[in-house]
Amino acid sequence: MKKFLPGDLVTRQAAICAHALTEPSFLSPEARIGIGRDFDPTQIPINGHRHPVHGNMCGWYIWSGEELSPDADYFEVICYKHLVNENWDWVIYLALPAGWRFLSAPGYEDIWYDAELLND
């Protein structure tokens, strides 16, 4: 797994946003993210979608595997800085603004805009 240096991560996140033709919405280290309670980085693909900021959450929800659990209490809270410290490649998508989704697997990536995320 590639070790991200802070400047390198910002550069890579900005490049992802430029590729998507959108402005980056960078997270603070303390930003709170929802992550699936059974998240397993070896269970691919890794999925994420970003809602607008609500309460103390930045809007990102991340899960692993093919299906998103319907359980109301499926997501636990984690700080962005802890995700960065894990050196997971998919953190490069986390500067995409509200309304964006990603799907990441070895040798495959997809990012797309989903306006429905803005209505929740």
C-alpha atoms as a PDB file:
ATOM      1  CA  MET A   1       0.000   0.000   0.000  1.00  0.00           C
ATOM      2  CA  LYS A   2       1.308   3.429  -0.917  1.00  0.00           C
ATOM      3  CA  LYS A   3       2.200   5.741   1.960  1.00  0.00           C
ATOM      4  CA  PHE A   4       0.642   9.152   1.367  1.00  0.00           C
ATOM      5  CA  LEU A   5       2.499  12.259   2.302  1.00  0.00           C
ATOM      6  CA  PRO A   6       0.079  15.073   3.191  1.00  0.00           C
ATOM      7  CA  GLY A   7       0.989  17.224   0.179  1.00  0.00           C
ATOM      8  CA  ASP A   8       0.878  14.217  -2.139  1.00  0.00           C
ATOM      9  CA  LEU A   9      -2.606  13.305  -0.921  1.00  0.00           C
ATOM     10  CA  VAL A  10      -3.899  16.842  -1.481  1.00  0.00           C
ATOM     11  CA  THR A  11      -2.400  16.844  -4.988  1.00  0.00           C
ATOM     12  CA  ARG A  12      -3.981  13.480  -5.803  1.00  0.00           C
ATOM     13  CA  GLN A  13      -7.361  14.545  -4.385  1.00  0.00           C
ATOM     14  CA  ALA A  14      -7.273  17.760  -6.430  1.00  0.00           C
ATOM     15  CA  ALA A  15      -6.459  15.720  -9.557  1.00  0.00           C
ATOM     16  CA  ILE A  16      -9.464  13.426  -8.955  1.00  0.00           C
ATOM     17  CA  CYS A  17     -11.725  16.474  -8.643  1.00  0.00           C
ATOM     18  CA  ALA A  18     -10.235  18.072 -11.775  1.00  0.00           C
ATOM     19  CA  HIS A  19     -10.859  14.830 -13.666  1.00  0.00           C
ATOM     20  CA  ALA A  20     -14.496  14.943 -12.465  1.00  0.00           C
ATOM     21  CA  LEU A  21     -14.721  18.639 -13.461  1.00  0.00           C
ATOM     22  CA  THR A  22     -15.643  19.684  -9.927  1.00  0.00           C
ATOM     23  CA  GLU A  23     -14.042  21.821  -7.230  1.00  0.00           C
ATOM     24  CA  PRO A  24     -12.479  19.935  -4.308  1.00  0.00           C
ATOM     25  CA  SER A  25     -14.086  20.065  -0.902  1.00  0.00           C
ATOM     26  CA  PHE A  26     -11.134  19.097   1.288  1.00  0.00           C
ATOM     27  CA  LEU A  27     -11.728  17.613   4.724  1.00  0.00           C
ATOM     28  CA  SER A  28     -10.178  18.718   7.979  1.00  0.00           C
ATOM     29  CA  PRO A  29      -8.287  16.000   9.875  1.00  0.00           C
ATOM     30  CA  GLU A  30     -11.100  15.920  12.458  1.00  0.00           C
ATOM     31  CA  ALA A  31     -13.903  15.560   9.892  1.00  0.00           C
ATOM     32  CA  ARG A  32     -16.311  12.825  10.969  1.00  0.00           C
ATOM     33  CA  ILE A  33     -17.095  10.090   8.438  1.00  0.00           C
ATOM     34  CA  GLY A  34     -19.546   7.210   8.597  1.00  0.00           C
ATOM     35  CA  ILE A  35     -17.919   3.839   7.973  1.00  0.00           C
ATOM     36  CA  GLY A  36     -19.685   0.486   7.801  1.00  0.00           C
ATOM     37  CA  ARG A  37     -19.468  -1.338  11.131  1.00  0.00           C
ATOM     38  CA  ASP A  38     -18.199  -4.448   9.308  1.00  0.00           C
ATOM     39  CA  PHE A  39     -15.821  -2.516   7.026  1.00  0.00           C
ATOM     40  CA  ASP A  40     -13.050  -4.753   5.713  1.00  0.00           C
ATOM     41  CA  PRO A  41     -10.539  -3.262   3.253  1.00  0.00           C
ATOM     42  CA  THR A  42     -10.026  -6.712   1.724  1.00  0.00           C
ATOM     43  CA  GLN A  43     -13.752  -6.988   0.937  1.00  0.00           C
ATOM     44  CA  ILE A  44     -14.001  -5.279  -2.438  1.00  0.00           C
ATOM     45  CA  PRO A  45     -15.229  -3.056  -3.877  1.00  0.00           C
ATOM     46  CA  ILE A  46     -14.906  -0.091  -1.545  1.00  0.00           C
ATOM     47  CA  ASN A  47     -17.885   2.245  -1.946  1.00  0.00           C
ATOM     48  CA  GLY A  48     -18.525   5.761  -0.784  1.00  0.00           C
ATOM     49  CA  HIS A  49     -21.055   8.501  -1.222  1.00  0.00           C
ATOM     50  CA  ARG A  50     -21.169  12.029   0.113  1.00  0.00           C
ATOM     51  CA  HIS A  51     -24.296  13.745   1.364  1.00  0.00           C
ATOM     52  CA  PRO A  52     -24.340  17.414   2.389  1.00  0.00           C
ATOM     53  CA  VAL A  53     -22.816  18.219   5.783  1.00  0.00           C
ATOM     54  CA  HIS A  54     -25.300  17.427   8.550  1.00  0.00           C
ATOM     55  CA  GLY A  55     -24.835  17.786  12.271  1.00  0.00           C
ATOM     56  CA  ASN A  56     -21.220  16.989  13.053  1.00  0.00           C
ATOM     57  CA  MET A  57     -20.792  14.697  10.014  1.00  0.00           C
ATOM     58  CA  CYS A  58     -18.966  15.729   6.814  1.00  0.00           C
ATOM     59  CA  GLY A  59     -21.388  13.736   4.655  1.00  0.00           C
ATOM     60  CA  TRP A  60     -19.147  10.805   3.619  1.00  0.00           C
ATOM     61  CA  TYR A  61     -20.340   7.232   4.167  1.00  0.00           C
ATOM     62  CA  ILE A  62     -17.975   4.383   3.280  1.00  0.00           C
ATOM     63  CA  TRP A  63     -18.619   0.627   3.109  1.00  0.00           C
ATOM     64  CA  SER A  64     -16.986  -2.462   1.669  1.00  0.00           C
ATOM     65  CA  GLY A  65     -18.484  -5.171  -0.499  1.00  0.00           C
ATOM     66  CA  GLU A  66     -21.216  -5.341  -3.092  1.00  0.00           C
ATOM     67  CA  GLU A  67     -24.225  -4.425  -0.953  1.00  0.00           C
ATOM     68  CA  LEU A  68     -24.981  -1.539   1.388  1.00  0.00           C
ATOM     69  CA  SER A  69     -26.609  -2.774   4.586  1.00  0.00           C
ATOM     70  CA  PRO A  70     -30.153  -1.465   5.140  1.00  0.00           C
ATOM     71  CA  ASP A  71     -29.633  -1.389   8.940  1.00  0.00           C
ATOM     72  CA  ALA A  72     -30.325   2.079  10.368  1.00  0.00           C
ATOM     73  CA  ASP A  73     -27.327   1.761  12.718  1.00  0.00           C
ATOM     74  CA  TYR A  74     -24.933   0.320  10.135  1.00  0.00           C
ATOM     75  CA  PHE A  75     -22.451   3.196  10.143  1.00  0.00           C
ATOM     76  CA  GLU A  76     -19.965   4.016  12.889  1.00  0.00           C
ATOM     77  CA  VAL A  77     -18.097   7.309  13.129  1.00  0.00           C
ATOM     78  CA  ILE A  78     -14.395   7.662  12.370  1.00  0.00           C
ATOM     79  CA  CYS A  79     -12.214  10.746  11.947  1.00  0.00           C
ATOM     80  CA  TYR A  80     -10.742  11.414   8.535  1.00  0.00           C
ATOM     81  CA  LYS A  81      -7.206  11.525   9.955  1.00  0.00           C
ATOM     82  CA  HIS A  82      -7.547   7.880  11.039  1.00  0.00           C
ATOM     83  CA  LEU A  83      -8.513   6.846   7.507  1.00  0.00           C
ATOM     84  CA  VAL A  84      -5.513   8.706   6.088  1.00  0.00           C
ATOM     85  CA  ASN A  85      -3.242   7.004   8.641  1.00  0.00           C
ATOM     86  CA  GLU A  86      -4.365   3.604   7.320  1.00  0.00           C
ATOM     87  CA  ASN A  87      -2.874   4.524   3.909  1.00  0.00           C
ATOM     88  CA  TRP A  88      -5.851   3.191   1.965  1.00  0.00           C
ATOM     89  CA  ASP A  89      -5.688   4.184  -1.707  1.00  0.00           C
ATOM     90  CA  TRP A  90      -9.348   5.173  -1.891  1.00  0.00           C
ATOM     91  CA  VAL A  91      -8.906   8.209   0.410  1.00  0.00           C
ATOM     92  CA  ILE A  92      -7.977  10.085  -2.785  1.00  0.00           C
ATOM     93  CA  TYR A  93     -11.734  10.361  -3.496  1.00  0.00           C
ATOM     94  CA  LEU A  94     -12.634  12.079  -0.227  1.00  0.00           C
ATOM     95  CA  ALA A  95     -12.237  15.646  -1.531  1.00  0.00           C
ATOM     96  CA  LEU A  96     -15.138  15.130  -3.939  1.00  0.00           C
ATOM     97  CA  PRO A  97     -17.994  17.403  -2.820  1.00  0.00           C
ATOM     98  CA  ALA A  98     -21.491  16.446  -1.715  1.00  0.00           C
ATOM     99  CA  GLY A  99     -23.407  14.593  -4.405  1.00  0.00           C
ATOM    100  CA  TRP A 100     -20.497  12.418  -5.524  1.00  0.00           C
ATOM    101  CA  ARG A 101     -19.962   8.665  -5.273  1.00  0.00           C
ATOM    102  CA  PHE A 102     -17.013   6.375  -5.837  1.00  0.00           C
ATOM    103  CA  LEU A 103     -16.412   2.669  -6.266  1.00  0.00           C
ATOM    104  CA  SER A 104     -12.848   1.379  -6.002  1.00  0.00           C
ATOM    105  CA  ALA A 105     -11.381  -2.069  -6.582  1.00  0.00           C
ATOM    106  CA  PRO A 106      -7.928  -3.230  -7.684  1.00  0.00           C
ATOM    107  CA  GLY A 107      -7.507  -2.094 -11.289  1.00  0.00           C
ATOM    108  CA  TYR A 108     -10.929  -0.390 -11.364  1.00  0.00           C
ATOM    109  CA  GLU A 109     -12.391   2.935 -10.293  1.00  0.00           C
ATOM    110  CA  ASP A 110     -15.616   4.738 -10.945  1.00  0.00           C
ATOM    111  CA  ILE A 111     -16.658   8.186  -9.756  1.00  0.00           C
ATOM    112  CA  TRP A 112     -19.980   9.769 -10.590  1.00  0.00           C
ATOM    113  CA  TYR A 113     -22.343  12.522  -9.566  1.00  0.00           C
ATOM    114  CA  ASP A 114     -25.669  11.526  -8.006  1.00  0.00           C
ATOM    115  CA  ALA A 115     -27.967  14.505  -7.403  1.00  0.00           C
ATOM    116  CA  GLU A 116     -30.251  12.302  -5.258  1.00  0.00           C
ATOM    117  CA  LEU A 117     -27.616  12.453  -2.508  1.00  0.00           C
ATOM    118  CA  LEU A 118     -28.355  16.157  -2.133  1.00  0.00           C
ATOM    119  CA  ASN A 119     -32.030  15.504  -1.349  1.00  0.00           C
ATOM    120  CA  ASP A 120     -31.558  13.324   1.725  1.00  0.00           C
END
